[in-house]
Amino acid sequence: TCVGASKEDVNAVAQAYWDAGVKHIV
């Protein structure tokens, strides 16, 4: 989700997903 978070924080989570082998985001 993006509520209450900066783009930097959201992007960091997305990158962590990708690095963990999670290539799909809801």
mmCIF file of all heavy atoms, coordinates in Angstrom:
data_MODEL
# 
_entry.id   MODEL 
# 
loop_
_atom_site.group_PDB 
_atom_site.id 
_atom_site.type_symbol 
_atom_site.label_atom_id 
_atom_site.label_alt_id 
_atom_site.label_comp_id 
_atom_site.label_asym_id 
_atom_site.label_entity_id 
_atom_site.label_seq_id 
_atom_site.pdbx_PDB_ins_code 
_atom_site.Cartn_x 
_atom_site.Cartn_y 
_atom_site.Cartn_z 
_atom_site.occupancy 
_atom_site.B_iso_or_equiv 
_atom_site.pdbx_formal_charge 
_atom_site.auth_seq_id 
_atom_site.auth_comp_id 
_atom_site.auth_asym_id 
_atom_site.auth_atom_id 
_atom_site.pdbx_PDB_model_num 
ATOM 1   N N   . THR A 1 1  ? 0.845  -1.196  0.000   1.00 0.00 ? 1  THR A N   1 
ATOM 2   C CA  . THR A 1 1  ? 0.000  0.000   0.000   1.00 0.00 ? 1  THR A CA  1 
ATOM 3   C C   . THR A 1 1  ? 0.879  1.243   0.000   1.00 0.00 ? 1  THR A C   1 
ATOM 4   O O   . THR A 1 1  ? 2.061  1.197   0.358   1.00 0.00 ? 1  THR A O   1 
ATOM 5   C CB  . THR A 1 1  ? -0.926 0.039   1.227   1.00 0.00 ? 1  THR A CB  1 
ATOM 6   O OG1 . THR A 1 1  ? -0.132 0.200   2.416   1.00 0.00 ? 1  THR A OG1 1 
ATOM 7   C CG2 . THR A 1 1  ? -1.752 -1.234  1.345   1.00 0.00 ? 1  THR A CG2 1 
ATOM 8   N N   . CYS A 1 2  ? 0.276  2.362   -0.401  1.00 0.00 ? 2  CYS A N   1 
ATOM 9   C CA  . CYS A 1 2  ? 1.029  3.617   -0.415  1.00 0.00 ? 2  CYS A CA  1 
ATOM 10  C C   . CYS A 1 2  ? 0.505  4.631   0.591   1.00 0.00 ? 2  CYS A C   1 
ATOM 11  O O   . CYS A 1 2  ? 1.067  5.725   0.713   1.00 0.00 ? 2  CYS A O   1 
ATOM 12  C CB  . CYS A 1 2  ? 1.032  4.216   -1.822  1.00 0.00 ? 2  CYS A CB  1 
ATOM 13  S SG  . CYS A 1 2  ? -0.597 4.586   -2.510  1.00 0.00 ? 2  CYS A SG  1 
ATOM 14  N N   . VAL A 1 3  ? -0.549 4.307   1.327   1.00 0.00 ? 3  VAL A N   1 
ATOM 15  C CA  . VAL A 1 3  ? -1.109 5.245   2.287   1.00 0.00 ? 3  VAL A CA  1 
ATOM 16  C C   . VAL A 1 3  ? -0.100 5.521   3.400   1.00 0.00 ? 3  VAL A C   1 
ATOM 17  O O   . VAL A 1 3  ? 0.534  4.606   3.934   1.00 0.00 ? 3  VAL A O   1 
ATOM 18  C CB  . VAL A 1 3  ? -2.442 4.727   2.874   1.00 0.00 ? 3  VAL A CB  1 
ATOM 19  C CG1 . VAL A 1 3  ? -2.248 3.432   3.654   1.00 0.00 ? 3  VAL A CG1 1 
ATOM 20  C CG2 . VAL A 1 3  ? -3.097 5.777   3.761   1.00 0.00 ? 3  VAL A CG2 1 
ATOM 21  N N   . GLY A 1 4  ? 0.099  6.791   3.724   1.00 0.00 ? 4  GLY A N   1 
ATOM 22  C CA  . GLY A 1 4  ? 0.943  7.165   4.850   1.00 0.00 ? 4  GLY A CA  1 
ATOM 23  C C   . GLY A 1 4  ? 2.420  6.898   4.661   1.00 0.00 ? 4  GLY A C   1 
ATOM 24  O O   . GLY A 1 4  ? 3.167  6.839   5.650   1.00 0.00 ? 4  GLY A O   1 
ATOM 25  N N   . ALA A 1 5  ? 2.885  6.740   3.419   1.00 0.00 ? 5  ALA A N   1 
ATOM 26  C CA  . ALA A 1 5  ? 4.294  6.424   3.187   1.00 0.00 ? 5  ALA A CA  1 
ATOM 27  C C   . ALA A 1 5  ? 4.836  7.228   2.014   1.00 0.00 ? 5  ALA A C   1 
ATOM 28  O O   . ALA A 1 5  ? 4.116  7.518   1.056   1.00 0.00 ? 5  ALA A O   1 
ATOM 29  C CB  . ALA A 1 5  ? 4.463  4.936   2.920   1.00 0.00 ? 5  ALA A CB  1 
ATOM 30  N N   . SER A 1 6  ? 6.097  7.557   2.092   1.00 0.00 ? 6  SER A N   1 
ATOM 31  C CA  . SER A 1 6  ? 6.746  8.265   0.990   1.00 0.00 ? 6  SER A CA  1 
ATOM 32  C C   . SER A 1 6  ? 7.048  7.291   -0.148  1.00 0.00 ? 6  SER A C   1 
ATOM 33  O O   . SER A 1 6  ? 7.068  6.063   0.043   1.00 0.00 ? 6  SER A O   1 
ATOM 34  C CB  . SER A 1 6  ? 8.050  8.900   1.470   1.00 0.00 ? 6  SER A CB  1 
ATOM 35  O OG  . SER A 1 6  ? 9.005  7.881   1.778   1.00 0.00 ? 6  SER A OG  1 
ATOM 36  N N   . LYS A 1 7  ? 7.291  7.835   -1.327  1.00 0.00 ? 7  LYS A N   1 
ATOM 37  C CA  . LYS A 1 7  ? 7.684  6.982   -2.451  1.00 0.00 ? 7  LYS A CA  1 
ATOM 38  C C   . LYS A 1 7  ? 8.957  6.214   -2.125  1.00 0.00 ? 7  LYS A C   1 
ATOM 39  O O   . LYS A 1 7  ? 9.091  5.038   -2.487  1.00 0.00 ? 7  LYS A O   1 
ATOM 40  C CB  . LYS A 1 7  ? 7.893  7.838   -3.704  1.00 0.00 ? 7  LYS A CB  1 
ATOM 41  C CG  . LYS A 1 7  ? 6.627  8.397   -4.314  1.00 0.00 ? 7  LYS A CG  1 
ATOM 42  C CD  . LYS A 1 7  ? 6.926  9.156   -5.598  1.00 0.00 ? 7  LYS A CD  1 
ATOM 43  C CE  . LYS A 1 7  ? 5.645  9.709   -6.218  1.00 0.00 ? 7  LYS A CE  1 
ATOM 44  N NZ  . LYS A 1 7  ? 5.905  10.444  -7.474  1.00 0.00 ? 7  LYS A NZ  1 
ATOM 45  N N   . GLU A 1 8  ? 9.870  6.874   -1.450  1.00 0.00 ? 8  GLU A N   1 
ATOM 46  C CA  . GLU A 1 8  ? 11.129 6.214   -1.100  1.00 0.00 ? 8  GLU A CA  1 
ATOM 47  C C   . GLU A 1 8  ? 10.883 4.972   -0.254  1.00 0.00 ? 8  GLU A C   1 
ATOM 48  O O   . GLU A 1 8  ? 11.472 3.905   -0.491  1.00 0.00 ? 8  GLU A O   1 
ATOM 49  C CB  . GLU A 1 8  ? 12.038 7.193   -0.348  1.00 0.00 ? 8  GLU A CB  1 
ATOM 50  C CG  . GLU A 1 8  ? 13.401 6.621   -0.002  1.00 0.00 ? 8  GLU A CG  1 
ATOM 51  C CD  . GLU A 1 8  ? 14.290 7.622   0.720   1.00 0.00 ? 8  GLU A CD  1 
ATOM 52  O OE1 . GLU A 1 8  ? 13.817 8.745   0.990   1.00 0.00 ? 8  GLU A OE1 1 
ATOM 53  O OE2 . GLU A 1 8  ? 15.453 7.273   1.008   1.00 0.00 ? 8  GLU A OE2 1 
ATOM 54  N N   . ASP A 1 9  ? 10.000 5.085   0.744   1.00 0.00 ? 9  ASP A N   1 
ATOM 55  C CA  . ASP A 1 9  ? 9.707  3.942   1.613   1.00 0.00 ? 9  ASP A CA  1 
ATOM 56  C C   . ASP A 1 9  ? 8.996  2.835   0.843   1.00 0.00 ? 9  ASP A C   1 
ATOM 57  O O   . ASP A 1 9  ? 9.320  1.655   0.990   1.00 0.00 ? 9  ASP A O   1 
ATOM 58  C CB  . ASP A 1 9  ? 8.849  4.383   2.799   1.00 0.00 ? 9  ASP A CB  1 
ATOM 59  C CG  . ASP A 1 9  ? 9.638  5.193   3.822   1.00 0.00 ? 9  ASP A CG  1 
ATOM 60  O OD1 . ASP A 1 9  ? 10.882 5.131   3.792   1.00 0.00 ? 9  ASP A OD1 1 
ATOM 61  O OD2 . ASP A 1 9  ? 8.998  5.896   4.633   1.00 0.00 ? 9  ASP A OD2 1 
ATOM 62  N N   . VAL A 1 10 ? 8.013  3.207   0.038   1.00 0.00 ? 10 VAL A N   1 
ATOM 63  C CA  . VAL A 1 10 ? 7.267  2.209   -0.743  1.00 0.00 ? 10 VAL A CA  1 
ATOM 64  C C   . VAL A 1 10 ? 8.202  1.505   -1.723  1.00 0.00 ? 10 VAL A C   1 
ATOM 65  O O   . VAL A 1 10 ? 8.172  0.270   -1.860  1.00 0.00 ? 10 VAL A O   1 
ATOM 66  C CB  . VAL A 1 10 ? 6.096  2.874   -1.489  1.00 0.00 ? 10 VAL A CB  1 
ATOM 67  C CG1 . VAL A 1 10 ? 5.442  1.881   -2.443  1.00 0.00 ? 10 VAL A CG1 1 
ATOM 68  C CG2 . VAL A 1 10 ? 5.068  3.408   -0.492  1.00 0.00 ? 10 VAL A CG2 1 
ATOM 69  N N   . ASN A 1 11 ? 9.037  2.269   -2.383  1.00 0.00 ? 11 ASN A N   1 
ATOM 70  C CA  . ASN A 1 11 ? 9.959  1.678   -3.358  1.00 0.00 ? 11 ASN A CA  1 
ATOM 71  C C   . ASN A 1 11 ? 10.957 0.731   -2.694  1.00 0.00 ? 11 ASN A C   1 
ATOM 72  O O   . ASN A 1 11 ? 11.351 -0.283  -3.281  1.00 0.00 ? 11 ASN A O   1 
ATOM 73  C CB  . ASN A 1 11 ? 10.708 2.778   -4.102  1.00 0.00 ? 11 ASN A CB  1 
ATOM 74  C CG  . ASN A 1 11 ? 9.808  3.612   -4.999  1.00 0.00 ? 11 ASN A CG  1 
ATOM 75  O OD1 . ASN A 1 11 ? 8.647  3.288   -5.180  1.00 0.00 ? 11 ASN A OD1 1 
ATOM 76  N ND2 . ASN A 1 11 ? 10.345 4.690   -5.539  1.00 0.00 ? 11 ASN A ND2 1 
ATOM 77  N N   . ALA A 1 12 ? 11.344 1.062   -1.468  1.00 0.00 ? 12 ALA A N   1 
ATOM 78  C CA  . ALA A 1 12 ? 12.271 0.198   -0.741  1.00 0.00 ? 12 ALA A CA  1 
ATOM 79  C C   . ALA A 1 12 ? 11.632 -1.155  -0.445  1.00 0.00 ? 12 ALA A C   1 
ATOM 80  O O   . ALA A 1 12 ? 12.290 -2.208  -0.536  1.00 0.00 ? 12 ALA A O   1 
ATOM 81  C CB  . ALA A 1 12 ? 12.714 0.874   0.559   1.00 0.00 ? 12 ALA A CB  1 
ATOM 82  N N   . VAL A 1 13 ? 10.348 -1.152  -0.090  1.00 0.00 ? 13 VAL A N   1 
ATOM 83  C CA  . VAL A 1 13 ? 9.649  -2.413  0.145   1.00 0.00 ? 13 VAL A CA  1 
ATOM 84  C C   . VAL A 1 13 ? 9.555  -3.216  -1.154  1.00 0.00 ? 13 VAL A C   1 
ATOM 85  O O   . VAL A 1 13 ? 9.799  -4.425  -1.176  1.00 0.00 ? 13 VAL A O   1 
ATOM 86  C CB  . VAL A 1 13 ? 8.242  -2.164  0.729   1.00 0.00 ? 13 VAL A CB  1 
ATOM 87  C CG1 . VAL A 1 13 ? 7.479  -3.483  0.873   1.00 0.00 ? 13 VAL A CG1 1 
ATOM 88  C CG2 . VAL A 1 13 ? 8.333  -1.462  2.079   1.00 0.00 ? 13 VAL A CG2 1 
ATOM 89  N N   . ALA A 1 14 ? 9.193  -2.531  -2.231  1.00 0.00 ? 14 ALA A N   1 
ATOM 90  C CA  . ALA A 1 14 ? 9.089  -3.217  -3.525  1.00 0.00 ? 14 ALA A CA  1 
ATOM 91  C C   . ALA A 1 14 ? 10.426 -3.842  -3.919  1.00 0.00 ? 14 ALA A C   1 
ATOM 92  O O   . ALA A 1 14 ? 10.471 -4.987  -4.387  1.00 0.00 ? 14 ALA A O   1 
ATOM 93  C CB  . ALA A 1 14 ? 8.628  -2.234  -4.600  1.00 0.00 ? 14 ALA A CB  1 
ATOM 94  N N   . GLN A 1 15 ? 11.513 -3.123  -3.711  1.00 0.00 ? 15 GLN A N   1 
ATOM 95  C CA  . GLN A 1 15 ? 12.829 -3.662  -4.053  1.00 0.00 ? 15 GLN A CA  1 
ATOM 96  C C   . GLN A 1 15 ? 13.169 -4.865  -3.175  1.00 0.00 ? 15 GLN A C   1 
ATOM 97  O O   . GLN A 1 15 ? 13.763 -5.848  -3.637  1.00 0.00 ? 15 GLN A O   1 
ATOM 98  C CB  . GLN A 1 15 ? 13.896 -2.575  -3.903  1.00 0.00 ? 15 GLN A CB  1 
ATOM 99  C CG  . GLN A 1 15 ? 15.273 -2.994  -4.418  1.00 0.00 ? 15 GLN A CG  1 
ATOM 100 C CD  . GLN A 1 15 ? 15.267 -3.266  -5.912  1.00 0.00 ? 15 GLN A CD  1 
ATOM 101 O OE1 . GLN A 1 15 ? 14.893 -2.413  -6.711  1.00 0.00 ? 15 GLN A OE1 1 
ATOM 102 N NE2 . GLN A 1 15 ? 15.695 -4.474  -6.301  1.00 0.00 ? 15 GLN A NE2 1 
ATOM 103 N N   . ALA A 1 16 ? 12.779 -4.790  -1.894  1.00 0.00 ? 16 ALA A N   1 
ATOM 104 C CA  . ALA A 1 16 ? 13.020 -5.925  -0.992  1.00 0.00 ? 16 ALA A CA  1 
ATOM 105 C C   . ALA A 1 16 ? 12.242 -7.151  -1.449  1.00 0.00 ? 16 ALA A C   1 
ATOM 106 O O   . ALA A 1 16 ? 12.743 -8.284  -1.367  1.00 0.00 ? 16 ALA A O   1 
ATOM 107 C CB  . ALA A 1 16 ? 12.633 -5.548  0.439   1.00 0.00 ? 16 ALA A CB  1 
ATOM 108 N N   . TYR A 1 17 ? 11.011 -6.945  -1.924  1.00 0.00 ? 17 TYR A N   1 
ATOM 109 C CA  . TYR A 1 17 ? 10.240 -8.069  -2.472  1.00 0.00 ? 17 TYR A CA  1 
ATOM 110 C C   . TYR A 1 17 ? 10.992 -8.689  -3.649  1.00 0.00 ? 17 TYR A C   1 
ATOM 111 O O   . TYR A 1 17 ? 11.167 -9.910  -3.726  1.00 0.00 ? 17 TYR A O   1 
ATOM 112 C CB  . TYR A 1 17 ? 8.874  -7.582  -2.966  1.00 0.00 ? 17 TYR A CB  1 
ATOM 113 C CG  . TYR A 1 17 ? 7.840  -7.296  -1.895  1.00 0.00 ? 17 TYR A CG  1 
ATOM 114 C CD1 . TYR A 1 17 ? 6.613  -6.735  -2.234  1.00 0.00 ? 17 TYR A CD1 1 
ATOM 115 C CD2 . TYR A 1 17 ? 8.065  -7.575  -0.551  1.00 0.00 ? 17 TYR A CD2 1 
ATOM 116 C CE1 . TYR A 1 17 ? 5.639  -6.458  -1.278  1.00 0.00 ? 17 TYR A CE1 1 
ATOM 117 C CE2 . TYR A 1 17 ? 7.107  -7.310  0.414   1.00 0.00 ? 17 TYR A CE2 1 
ATOM 118 C CZ  . TYR A 1 17 ? 5.899  -6.746  0.040   1.00 0.00 ? 17 TYR A CZ  1 
ATOM 119 O OH  . TYR A 1 17 ? 4.944  -6.481  0.982   1.00 0.00 ? 17 TYR A OH  1 
ATOM 120 N N   . TRP A 1 18 ? 11.413 -7.840  -4.576  1.00 0.00 ? 18 TRP A N   1 
ATOM 121 C CA  . TRP A 1 18 ? 12.090 -8.340  -5.778  1.00 0.00 ? 18 TRP A CA  1 
ATOM 122 C C   . TRP A 1 18 ? 13.354 -9.116  -5.403  1.00 0.00 ? 18 TRP A C   1 
ATOM 123 O O   . TRP A 1 18 ? 13.610 -10.210 -5.926  1.00 0.00 ? 18 TRP A O   1 
ATOM 124 C CB  . TRP A 1 18 ? 12.429 -7.169  -6.695  1.00 0.00 ? 18 TRP A CB  1 
ATOM 125 C CG  . TRP A 1 18 ? 13.013 -7.586  -8.014  1.00 0.00 ? 18 TRP A CG  1 
ATOM 126 C CD1 . TRP A 1 18 ? 14.335 -7.758  -8.326  1.00 0.00 ? 18 TRP A CD1 1 
ATOM 127 C CD2 . TRP A 1 18 ? 12.281 -7.918  -9.196  1.00 0.00 ? 18 TRP A CD2 1 
ATOM 128 N NE1 . TRP A 1 18 ? 14.473 -8.175  -9.624  1.00 0.00 ? 18 TRP A NE1 1 
ATOM 129 C CE2 . TRP A 1 18 ? 13.231 -8.273  -10.187 1.00 0.00 ? 18 TRP A CE2 1 
ATOM 130 C CE3 . TRP A 1 18 ? 10.922 -7.938  -9.512  1.00 0.00 ? 18 TRP A CE3 1 
ATOM 131 C CZ2 . TRP A 1 18 ? 12.856 -8.651  -11.478 1.00 0.00 ? 18 TRP A CZ2 1 
ATOM 132 C CZ3 . TRP A 1 18 ? 10.547 -8.305  -10.802 1.00 0.00 ? 18 TRP A CZ3 1 
ATOM 133 C CH2 . TRP A 1 18 ? 11.513 -8.659  -11.765 1.00 0.00 ? 18 TRP A CH2 1 
ATOM 134 N N   . ASP A 1 19 ? 14.130 -8.569  -4.472  1.00 0.00 ? 19 ASP A N   1 
ATOM 135 C CA  . ASP A 1 19 ? 15.371 -9.223  -4.052  1.00 0.00 ? 19 ASP A CA  1 
ATOM 136 C C   . ASP A 1 19 ? 15.101 -10.554 -3.363  1.00 0.00 ? 19 ASP A C   1 
ATOM 137 O O   . ASP A 1 19 ? 15.963 -11.450 -3.377  1.00 0.00 ? 19 ASP A O   1 
ATOM 138 C CB  . ASP A 1 19 ? 16.160 -8.304  -3.114  1.00 0.00 ? 19 ASP A CB  1 
ATOM 139 C CG  . ASP A 1 19 ? 16.672 -7.049  -3.810  1.00 0.00 ? 19 ASP A CG  1 
ATOM 140 O OD1 . ASP A 1 19 ? 16.697 -7.029  -5.056  1.00 0.00 ? 19 ASP A OD1 1 
ATOM 141 O OD2 . ASP A 1 19 ? 17.026 -6.081  -3.094  1.00 0.00 ? 19 ASP A OD2 1 
ATOM 142 N N   . ALA A 1 20 ? 13.917 -10.699 -2.755  1.00 0.00 ? 20 ALA A N   1 
ATOM 143 C CA  . ALA A 1 20 ? 13.544 -11.947 -2.079  1.00 0.00 ? 20 ALA A CA  1 
ATOM 144 C C   . ALA A 1 20 ? 12.935 -12.966 -3.032  1.00 0.00 ? 20 ALA A C   1 
ATOM 145 O O   . ALA A 1 20 ? 12.539 -14.058 -2.612  1.00 0.00 ? 20 ALA A O   1 
ATOM 146 C CB  . ALA A 1 20 ? 12.566 -11.654 -0.946  1.00 0.00 ? 20 ALA A CB  1 
ATOM 147 N N   . GLY A 1 21 ? 12.843 -12.618 -4.307  1.00 0.00 ? 21 GLY A N   1 
ATOM 148 C CA  . GLY A 1 21 ? 12.278 -13.540 -5.289  1.00 0.00 ? 21 GLY A CA  1 
ATOM 149 C C   . GLY A 1 21 ? 10.787 -13.388 -5.486  1.00 0.00 ? 21 GLY A C   1 
ATOM 150 O O   . GLY A 1 21 ? 10.152 -14.232 -6.124  1.00 0.00 ? 21 GLY A O   1 
ATOM 151 N N   . VAL A 1 22 ? 10.215 -12.298 -4.951  1.00 0.00 ? 22 VAL A N   1 
ATOM 152 C CA  . VAL A 1 22 ? 8.780  -12.034 -5.101  1.00 0.00 ? 22 VAL A CA  1 
ATOM 153 C C   . VAL A 1 22 ? 8.615  -11.041 -6.246  1.00 0.00 ? 22 VAL A C   1 
ATOM 154 O O   . VAL A 1 22 ? 8.892  -9.848  -6.086  1.00 0.00 ? 22 VAL A O   1 
ATOM 155 C CB  . VAL A 1 22 ? 8.176  -11.486 -3.798  1.00 0.00 ? 22 VAL A CB  1 
ATOM 156 C CG1 . VAL A 1 22 ? 6.695  -11.168 -3.978  1.00 0.00 ? 22 VAL A CG1 1 
ATOM 157 C CG2 . VAL A 1 22 ? 8.372  -12.485 -2.658  1.00 0.00 ? 22 VAL A CG2 1 
ATOM 158 N N   . LYS A 1 23 ? 8.161  -11.541 -7.387  1.00 0.00 ? 23 LYS A N   1 
ATOM 159 C CA  . LYS A 1 23 ? 8.097  -10.730 -8.605  1.00 0.00 ? 23 LYS A CA  1 
ATOM 160 C C   . LYS A 1 23 ? 6.689  -10.229 -8.911  1.00 0.00 ? 23 LYS A C   1 
ATOM 161 O O   . LYS A 1 23 ? 6.433  -9.698  -9.990  1.00 0.00 ? 23 LYS A O   1 
ATOM 162 C CB  . LYS A 1 23 ? 8.612  -11.543 -9.804  1.00 0.00 ? 23 LYS A CB  1 
ATOM 163 C CG  . LYS A 1 23 ? 9.901  -12.298 -9.562  1.00 0.00 ? 23 LYS A CG  1 
ATOM 164 C CD  . LYS A 1 23 ? 11.072 -11.382 -9.228  1.00 0.00 ? 23 LYS A CD  1 
ATOM 165 C CE  . LYS A 1 23 ? 12.387 -12.157 -9.140  1.00 0.00 ? 23 LYS A CE  1 
ATOM 166 N NZ  . LYS A 1 23 ? 13.517 -11.314 -8.733  1.00 0.00 ? 23 LYS A NZ  1 
ATOM 167 N N   . HIS A 1 24 ? 5.789  -10.410 -7.986  1.00 0.00 ? 24 HIS A N   1 
ATOM 168 C CA  . HIS A 1 24 ? 4.372  -10.068 -8.181  1.00 0.00 ? 24 HIS A CA  1 
ATOM 169 C C   . HIS A 1 24 ? 3.926  -9.224  -6.993  1.00 0.00 ? 24 HIS A C   1 
ATOM 170 O O   . HIS A 1 24 ? 4.150  -9.588  -5.835  1.00 0.00 ? 24 HIS A O   1 
ATOM 171 C CB  . HIS A 1 24 ? 3.561  -11.375 -8.268  1.00 0.00 ? 24 HIS A CB  1 
ATOM 172 C CG  . HIS A 1 24 ? 2.095  -11.204 -8.496  1.00 0.00 ? 24 HIS A CG  1 
ATOM 173 N ND1 . HIS A 1 24 ? 1.260  -12.291 -8.733  1.00 0.00 ? 24 HIS A ND1 1 
ATOM 174 C CD2 . HIS A 1 24 ? 1.281  -10.120 -8.525  1.00 0.00 ? 24 HIS A CD2 1 
ATOM 175 C CE1 . HIS A 1 24 ? 0.029  -11.860 -8.899  1.00 0.00 ? 24 HIS A CE1 1 
ATOM 176 N NE2 . HIS A 1 24 ? 0.016  -10.551 -8.765  1.00 0.00 ? 24 HIS A NE2 1 
ATOM 177 N N   . ILE A 1 25 ? 3.298  -8.094  -7.265  1.00 0.00 ? 25 ILE A N   1 
ATOM 178 C CA  . ILE A 1 25 ? 2.797  -7.214  -6.207  1.00 0.00 ? 25 ILE A CA  1 
ATOM 179 C C   . ILE A 1 25 ? 1.299  -6.989  -6.388  1.00 0.00 ? 25 ILE A C   1 
ATOM 180 O O   . ILE A 1 25 ? 0.821  -6.770  -7.501  1.00 0.00 ? 25 ILE A O   1 
ATOM 181 C CB  . ILE A 1 25 ? 3.536  -5.860  -6.212  1.00 0.00 ? 25 ILE A CB  1 
ATOM 182 C CG1 . ILE A 1 25 ? 4.961  -6.041  -5.688  1.00 0.00 ? 25 ILE A CG1 1 
ATOM 183 C CG2 . ILE A 1 25 ? 2.802  -4.816  -5.375  1.00 0.00 ? 25 ILE A CG2 1 
ATOM 184 C CD1 . ILE A 1 25 ? 5.781  -4.761  -5.645  1.00 0.00 ? 25 ILE A CD1 1 
ATOM 185 N N   . VAL A 1 26 ? 0.568  -7.068  -5.276  1.00 0.00 ? 26 VAL A N   1 
ATOM 186 C CA  . VAL A 1 26 ? -0.834 -6.658  -5.241  1.00 0.00 ? 26 VAL A CA  1 
ATOM 187 C C   . VAL A 1 26 ? -0.816 -5.198  -4.784  1.00 0.00 ? 26 VAL A C   1 
ATOM 188 O O   . VAL A 1 26 ? -0.583 -4.904  -3.602  1.00 0.00 ? 26 VAL A O   1 
ATOM 189 C CB  . VAL A 1 26 ? -1.669 -7.531  -4.287  1.00 0.00 ? 26 VAL A CB  1 
ATOM 190 C CG1 . VAL A 1 26 ? -3.123 -7.075  -4.291  1.00 0.00 ? 26 VAL A CG1 1 
ATOM 191 C CG2 . VAL A 1 26 ? -1.580 -9.007  -4.695  1.00 0.00 ? 26 VAL A CG2 1 
# 
